[in-house]
């Protein structure tokens, strides 16, 4: 199945993944290539999501988490 990964304005990848692939699998497999920071918010098709299995055609967007002030 094919999904789209987005990080920032310029990083966009269309990748082929196995059925049953989860968000955490994507981070493990593609996080370094995308240059993801350790702490990111994850949106699947524009909706905040946890670690769920992805579906064909999903768009996974990674957004850098805002820094919290102490």
PDB file of N, CA and C in Angstrom:
ATOM      1  N   UNK A   1       0.846  -1.178   0.000  1.00  0.00           N
ATOM      2  CA  UNK A   1       0.000   0.000   0.000  1.00  0.00           C
ATOM      3  C   UNK A   1       0.884   1.231   0.000  1.00  0.00           C
ATOM      4  N   UNK A   2       0.341   2.324  -0.453  1.00  0.00           N
ATOM      5  CA  UNK A   2       1.115   3.552  -0.633  1.00  0.00           C
ATOM      6  C   UNK A   2       0.591   4.623   0.317  1.00  0.00           C
ATOM      7  N   UNK A   3       1.548   5.289   1.030  1.00  0.00           N
ATOM      8  CA  UNK A   3       1.189   6.393   1.915  1.00  0.00           C
ATOM      9  C   UNK A   3       2.104   7.575   1.627  1.00  0.00           C
ATOM     10  N   UNK A   4       1.710   8.739   2.120  1.00  0.00           N
ATOM     11  CA  UNK A   4       2.504   9.955   1.961  1.00  0.00           C
ATOM     12  C   UNK A   4       2.986  10.407   3.330  1.00  0.00           C
ATOM     13  N   UNK A   5       4.265  10.758   3.411  1.00  0.00           N
ATOM     14  CA  UNK A   5       4.857  11.274   4.646  1.00  0.00           C
ATOM     15  C   UNK A   5       5.219  12.729   4.422  1.00  0.00           C
ATOM     16  N   UNK A   6       4.864  13.592   5.377  1.00  0.00           N
ATOM     17  CA  UNK A   6       5.183  15.024   5.293  1.00  0.00           C
ATOM     18  C   UNK A   6       5.864  15.477   6.568  1.00  0.00           C
ATOM     19  N   UNK A   7       6.905  16.292   6.395  1.00  0.00           N
ATOM     20  CA  UNK A   7       7.528  16.948   7.542  1.00  0.00           C
ATOM     21  C   UNK A   7       8.031  18.302   7.065  1.00  0.00           C
ATOM     22  N   UNK A   8       7.551  19.349   7.683  1.00  0.00           N
ATOM     23  CA  UNK A   8       7.942  20.687   7.266  1.00  0.00           C
ATOM     24  C   UNK A   8       7.333  21.040   5.916  1.00  0.00           C
ATOM     25  N   UNK A   9       7.830  22.108   5.366  1.00  0.00           N
ATOM     26  CA  UNK A   9       7.285  22.609   4.108  1.00  0.00           C
ATOM     27  C   UNK A   9       7.834  21.847   2.905  1.00  0.00           C
ATOM     28  N   UNK A  10       9.085  21.395   3.004  1.00  0.00           N
ATOM     29  CA  UNK A  10       9.742  20.845   1.822  1.00  0.00           C
ATOM     30  C   UNK A  10       9.908  19.336   1.799  1.00  0.00           C
ATOM     31  N   UNK A  11       9.668  18.658   2.904  1.00  0.00           N
ATOM     32  CA  UNK A  11       9.905  17.220   2.930  1.00  0.00           C
ATOM     33  C   UNK A  11       8.598  16.462   2.718  1.00  0.00           C
ATOM     34  N   UNK A  12       8.542  15.773   1.597  1.00  0.00           N
ATOM     35  CA  UNK A  12       7.360  15.004   1.205  1.00  0.00           C
ATOM     36  C   UNK A  12       7.845  13.723   0.546  1.00  0.00           C
ATOM     37  N   UNK A  13       7.413  12.590   1.062  1.00  0.00           N
ATOM     38  CA  UNK A  13       7.816  11.296   0.512  1.00  0.00           C
ATOM     39  C   UNK A  13       6.584  10.440   0.290  1.00  0.00           C
ATOM     40  N   UNK A  14       6.496   9.832  -0.866  1.00  0.00           N
ATOM     41  CA  UNK A  14       5.474   8.815  -1.123  1.00  0.00           C
ATOM     42  C   UNK A  14       6.177   7.477  -0.997  1.00  0.00           C
ATOM     43  N   UNK A  15       5.699   6.642  -0.080  1.00  0.00           N
ATOM     44  CA  UNK A  15       6.390   5.384   0.186  1.00  0.00           C
ATOM     45  C   UNK A  15       5.425   4.207   0.113  1.00  0.00           C
ATOM     46  N   UNK A  16       5.987   3.071  -0.192  1.00  0.00           N
ATOM     47  CA  UNK A  16       5.264   1.810  -0.252  1.00  0.00           C
ATOM     48  C   UNK A  16       5.524   1.095   1.075  1.00  0.00           C
ATOM     49  N   UNK A  17       4.470   0.702   1.789  1.00  0.00           N
ATOM     50  CA  UNK A  17       4.614   0.000   3.065  1.00  0.00           C
ATOM     51  C   UNK A  17       3.716  -1.231   3.080  1.00  0.00           C
ATOM     52  N   UNK A  18       3.994  -2.132   4.005  1.00  0.00           N
ATOM     53  CA  UNK A  18       3.197  -3.352   4.142  1.00  0.00           C
ATOM     54  C   UNK A  18       1.894  -3.066   4.863  1.00  0.00           C
ATOM     55  N   UNK A  19       0.898  -3.880   4.590  1.00  0.00           N
ATOM     56  CA  UNK A  19      -0.356  -3.785   5.319  1.00  0.00           C
ATOM     57  C   UNK A  19      -0.066  -4.048   6.795  1.00  0.00           C
ATOM     58  N   UNK A  20      -0.699  -3.286   7.671  1.00  0.00           N
ATOM     59  CA  UNK A  20      -0.481  -3.436   9.107  1.00  0.00           C
ATOM     60  C   UNK A  20       0.616  -2.540   9.657  1.00  0.00           C
ATOM     61  N   UNK A  21       1.263  -1.747   8.784  1.00  0.00           N
ATOM     62  CA  UNK A  21       2.304  -0.822   9.231  1.00  0.00           C
ATOM     63  C   UNK A  21       1.683   0.240  10.125  1.00  0.00           C
ATOM     64  N   UNK A  22       2.362   0.548  11.238  1.00  0.00           N
ATOM     65  CA  UNK A  22       1.869   1.547  12.187  1.00  0.00           C
ATOM     66  C   UNK A  22       2.696   2.819  12.102  1.00  0.00           C
ATOM     67  N   UNK A  23       2.215   3.846  12.784  1.00  0.00           N
ATOM     68  CA  UNK A  23       2.937   5.123  12.829  1.00  0.00           C
ATOM     69  C   UNK A  23       4.325   4.919  13.435  1.00  0.00           C
ATOM     70  N   UNK A  24       4.418   4.149  14.508  1.00  0.00           N
ATOM     71  CA  UNK A  24       5.732   3.907  15.122  1.00  0.00           C
ATOM     72  C   UNK A  24       6.677   3.185  14.172  1.00  0.00           C
ATOM     73  N   UNK A  25       6.151   2.273  13.347  1.00  0.00           N
ATOM     74  CA  UNK A  25       6.981   1.614  12.334  1.00  0.00           C
ATOM     75  C   UNK A  25       7.548   2.653  11.362  1.00  0.00           C
ATOM     76  N   UNK A  26       6.718   3.603  10.963  1.00  0.00           N
ATOM     77  CA  UNK A  26       7.141   4.655  10.038  1.00  0.00           C
ATOM     78  C   UNK A  26       8.250   5.499  10.658  1.00  0.00           C
ATOM     79  N   UNK A  27       8.086   5.869  11.922  1.00  0.00           N
ATOM     80  CA  UNK A  27       9.112   6.663  12.604  1.00  0.00           C
ATOM     81  C   UNK A  27      10.416   5.879  12.653  1.00  0.00           C
ATOM     82  N   UNK A  28      10.346   4.599  13.002  1.00  0.00           N
ATOM     83  CA  UNK A  28      11.554   3.762  13.053  1.00  0.00           C
ATOM     84  C   UNK A  28      12.217   3.648  11.683  1.00  0.00           C
ATOM     85  N   UNK A  29      11.419   3.460  10.633  1.00  0.00           N
ATOM     86  CA  UNK A  29      11.957   3.209   9.293  1.00  0.00           C
ATOM     87  C   UNK A  29      12.365   4.467   8.528  1.00  0.00           C
ATOM     88  N   UNK A  30      11.643   5.577   8.733  1.00  0.00           N
ATOM     89  CA  UNK A  30      11.861   6.764   7.904  1.00  0.00           C
ATOM     90  C   UNK A  30      12.209   8.022   8.693  1.00  0.00           C
ATOM     91  N   UNK A  31      12.171   7.972  10.015  1.00  0.00           N
ATOM     92  CA  UNK A  31      12.405   9.161  10.841  1.00  0.00           C
ATOM     93  C   UNK A  31      13.724   9.847  10.568  1.00  0.00           C
ATOM     94  N   UNK A  32      14.802   9.076  10.493  1.00  0.00           N
ATOM     95  CA  UNK A  32      16.125   9.661  10.252  1.00  0.00           C
ATOM     96  C   UNK A  32      16.198  10.295   8.859  1.00  0.00           C
ATOM     97  N   UNK A  33      15.649   9.616   7.873  1.00  0.00           N
ATOM     98  CA  UNK A  33      15.688  10.150   6.498  1.00  0.00           C
ATOM     99  C   UNK A  33      14.904  11.447   6.379  1.00  0.00           C
ATOM    100  N   UNK A  34      13.822  11.560   7.147  1.00  0.00           N
ATOM    101  CA  UNK A  34      13.018  12.786   7.120  1.00  0.00           C
ATOM    102  C   UNK A  34      13.616  13.871   8.013  1.00  0.00           C
ATOM    103  N   UNK A  35      14.564  13.500   8.878  1.00  0.00           N
ATOM    104  CA  UNK A  35      15.154  14.472   9.797  1.00  0.00           C
ATOM    105  C   UNK A  35      14.222  14.819  10.948  1.00  0.00           C
ATOM    106  N   UNK A  36      13.411  13.846  11.392  1.00  0.00           N
ATOM    107  CA  UNK A  36      12.452  14.117  12.460  1.00  0.00           C
ATOM    108  C   UNK A  36      13.166  14.352  13.791  1.00  0.00           C
ATOM    109  N   UNK A  37      12.708  15.348  14.560  1.00  0.00           N
ATOM    110  CA  UNK A  37      13.237  15.526  15.908  1.00  0.00           C
ATOM    111  C   UNK A  37      12.670  14.422  16.801  1.00  0.00           C
ATOM    112  N   UNK A  38      13.171  14.335  18.037  1.00  0.00           N
ATOM    113  CA  UNK A  38      12.698  13.280  18.946  1.00  0.00           C
ATOM    114  C   UNK A  38      11.236  13.438  19.321  1.00  0.00           C
ATOM    115  N   UNK A  39      10.761  14.654  19.379  1.00  0.00           N
ATOM    116  CA  UNK A  39       9.397  14.900  19.840  1.00  0.00           C
ATOM    117  C   UNK A  39       8.575  15.541  18.722  1.00  0.00           C
ATOM    118  N   UNK A  40       7.607  14.774  18.209  1.00  0.00           N
ATOM    119  CA  UNK A  40       6.763  15.283  17.129  1.00  0.00           C
ATOM    120  C   UNK A  40       5.295  14.999  17.420  1.00  0.00           C
ATOM    121  N   UNK A  41       4.441  15.863  16.901  1.00  0.00           N
ATOM    122  CA  UNK A  41       3.006  15.604  16.877  1.00  0.00           C
ATOM    123  C   UNK A  41       2.720  14.899  15.560  1.00  0.00           C
ATOM    124  N   UNK A  42       1.784  13.964  15.583  1.00  0.00           N
ATOM    125  CA  UNK A  42       1.486  13.170  14.398  1.00  0.00           C
ATOM    126  C   UNK A  42       0.028  13.374  13.998  1.00  0.00           C
ATOM    127  N   UNK A  43      -0.166  13.702  12.731  1.00  0.00           N
ATOM    128  CA  UNK A  43      -1.504  13.833  12.159  1.00  0.00           C
ATOM    129  C   UNK A  43      -1.640  12.805  11.047  1.00  0.00           C
ATOM    130  N   UNK A  44      -2.771  12.124  11.021  1.00  0.00           N
ATOM    131  CA  UNK A  44      -3.062  11.230   9.908  1.00  0.00           C
ATOM    132  C   UNK A  44      -4.281  11.801   9.204  1.00  0.00           C
ATOM    133  N   UNK A  45      -4.077  12.183   7.957  1.00  0.00           N
ATOM    134  CA  UNK A  45      -5.136  12.823   7.164  1.00  0.00           C
ATOM    135  C   UNK A  45      -5.695  14.045   7.883  1.00  0.00           C
ATOM    136  N   UNK A  46      -4.797  14.800   8.555  1.00  0.00           N
ATOM    137  CA  UNK A  46      -5.177  16.048   9.202  1.00  0.00           C
ATOM    138  C   UNK A  46      -5.755  15.908  10.594  1.00  0.00           C
ATOM    139  N   UNK A  47      -5.841  14.689  11.116  1.00  0.00           N
ATOM    140  CA  UNK A  47      -6.429  14.459  12.434  1.00  0.00           C
ATOM    141  C   UNK A  47      -5.362  13.901  13.366  1.00  0.00           C
ATOM    142  N   UNK A  48      -5.286  14.459  14.581  1.00  0.00           N
ATOM    143  CA  UNK A  48      -4.323  13.977  15.570  1.00  0.00           C
ATOM    144  C   UNK A  48      -4.538  12.485  15.791  1.00  0.00           C
ATOM    145  N   UNK A  49      -3.436  11.736  15.796  1.00  0.00           N
ATOM    146  CA  UNK A  49      -3.571  10.282  15.870  1.00  0.00           C
ATOM    147  C   UNK A  49      -2.485   9.671  16.730  1.00  0.00           C
ATOM    148  N   UNK A  50      -2.817   8.543  17.298  1.00  0.00           N
ATOM    149  CA  UNK A  50      -1.830   7.769  18.044  1.00  0.00           C
ATOM    150  C   UNK A  50      -1.199   6.750  17.117  1.00  0.00           C
ATOM    151  N   UNK A  51      -0.722   5.674  17.699  1.00  0.00           N
ATOM    152  CA  UNK A  51      -0.053   4.641  16.917  1.00  0.00           C
ATOM    153  C   UNK A  51      -1.075   3.639  16.399  1.00  0.00           C
ATOM    154  N   UNK A  52      -1.636   3.923  15.247  1.00  0.00           N
ATOM    155  CA  UNK A  52      -2.610   3.011  14.658  1.00  0.00           C
ATOM    156  C   UNK A  52      -2.077   2.477  13.344  1.00  0.00           C
ATOM    157  N   UNK A  53      -2.676   1.407  12.890  1.00  0.00           N
ATOM    158  CA  UNK A  53      -2.299   0.862  11.585  1.00  0.00           C
ATOM    159  C   UNK A  53      -2.718   1.842  10.502  1.00  0.00           C
ATOM    160  N   UNK A  54      -1.847   2.008   9.526  1.00  0.00           N
ATOM    161  CA  UNK A  54      -2.120   2.937   8.431  1.00  0.00           C
ATOM    162  C   UNK A  54      -2.897   2.238   7.328  1.00  0.00           C
ATOM    163  N   UNK A  55      -3.622   3.039   6.558  1.00  0.00           N
ATOM    164  CA  UNK A  55      -4.420   2.529   5.446  1.00  0.00           C
ATOM    165  C   UNK A  55      -3.872   3.072   4.130  1.00  0.00           C
ATOM    166  N   UNK A  56      -4.133   2.371   3.066  1.00  0.00           N
ATOM    167  CA  UNK A  56      -3.691   2.807   1.745  1.00  0.00           C
ATOM    168  C   UNK A  56      -4.191   4.224   1.476  1.00  0.00           C
ATOM    169  N   UNK A  57      -3.295   5.098   1.049  1.00  0.00           N
ATOM    170  CA  UNK A  57      -3.658   6.470   0.712  1.00  0.00           C
ATOM    171  C   UNK A  57      -3.561   7.452   1.865  1.00  0.00           C
ATOM    172  N   UNK A  58      -3.261   6.973   3.083  1.00  0.00           N
ATOM    173  CA  UNK A  58      -3.130   7.887   4.228  1.00  0.00           C
ATOM    174  C   UNK A  58      -1.996   8.878   4.005  1.00  0.00           C
ATOM    175  N   UNK A  59      -2.158  10.083   4.554  1.00  0.00           N
ATOM    176  CA  UNK A  59      -1.093  11.072   4.606  1.00  0.00           C
ATOM    177  C   UNK A  59      -0.730  11.269   6.070  1.00  0.00           C
ATOM    178  N   UNK A  60       0.532  10.998   6.406  1.00  0.00           N
ATOM    179  CA  UNK A  60       1.023  11.145   7.771  1.00  0.00           C
ATOM    180  C   UNK A  60       1.870  12.410   7.815  1.00  0.00           C
ATOM    181  N   UNK A  61       1.459  13.356   8.657  1.00  0.00           N
ATOM    182  CA  UNK A  61       2.169  14.624   8.799  1.00  0.00           C
ATOM    183  C   UNK A  61       2.814  14.673  10.170  1.00  0.00           C
ATOM    184  N   UNK A  62       4.104  14.979  10.194  1.00  0.00           N
ATOM    185  CA  UNK A  62       4.849  15.126  11.441  1.00  0.00           C
ATOM    186  C   UNK A  62       5.093  16.610  11.681  1.00  0.00           C
ATOM    187  N   UNK A  63       4.751  17.087  12.862  1.00  0.00           N
ATOM    188  CA  UNK A  63       4.973  18.481  13.216  1.00  0.00           C
ATOM    189  C   UNK A  63       5.812  18.545  14.478  1.00  0.00           C
ATOM    190  N   UNK A  64       6.815  19.397  14.463  1.00  0.00           N
ATOM    191  CA  UNK A  64       7.669  19.566  15.636  1.00  0.00           C
ATOM    192  C   UNK A  64       6.813  20.095  16.786  1.00  0.00           C
ATOM    193  N   UNK A  65       6.954  19.447  17.967  1.00  0.00           N
ATOM    194  CA  UNK A  65       6.182  19.896  19.134  1.00  0.00           C
ATOM    195  C   UNK A  65       6.702  21.240  19.612  1.00  0.00           C
ATOM    196  N   UNK A  66       5.774  22.065  20.061  1.00  0.00           N
ATOM    197  CA  UNK A  66       6.146  23.367  20.629  1.00  0.00           C
ATOM    198  C   UNK A  66       6.878  23.128  21.950  1.00  0.00           C
ATOM    199  N   UNK A  67       7.825  23.979  22.235  1.00  0.00           N
ATOM    200  CA  UNK A  67       8.565  23.889  23.494  1.00  0.00           C
ATOM    201  C   UNK A  67       7.682  24.376  24.645  1.00  0.00           C
ATOM    202  N   UNK A  68       7.708  23.646  25.731  1.00  0.00           N
ATOM    203  CA  UNK A  68       6.941  24.053  26.911  1.00  0.00           C
ATOM    204  C   UNK A  68       7.860  24.847  27.834  1.00  0.00           C
ATOM    205  N   UNK A  69       7.352  25.956  28.351  1.00  0.00           N
ATOM    206  CA  UNK A  69       8.135  26.767  29.294  1.00  0.00           C
ATOM    207  C   UNK A  69       7.883  26.253  30.706  1.00  0.00           C
ATOM    208  N   UNK A  70       8.919  26.287  31.500  1.00  0.00           N
ATOM    209  CA  UNK A  70       8.796  25.804  32.883  1.00  0.00           C
ATOM    210  C   UNK A  70       8.171  26.849  33.769  1.00  0.00           C
TER     211      UNK A  70
END
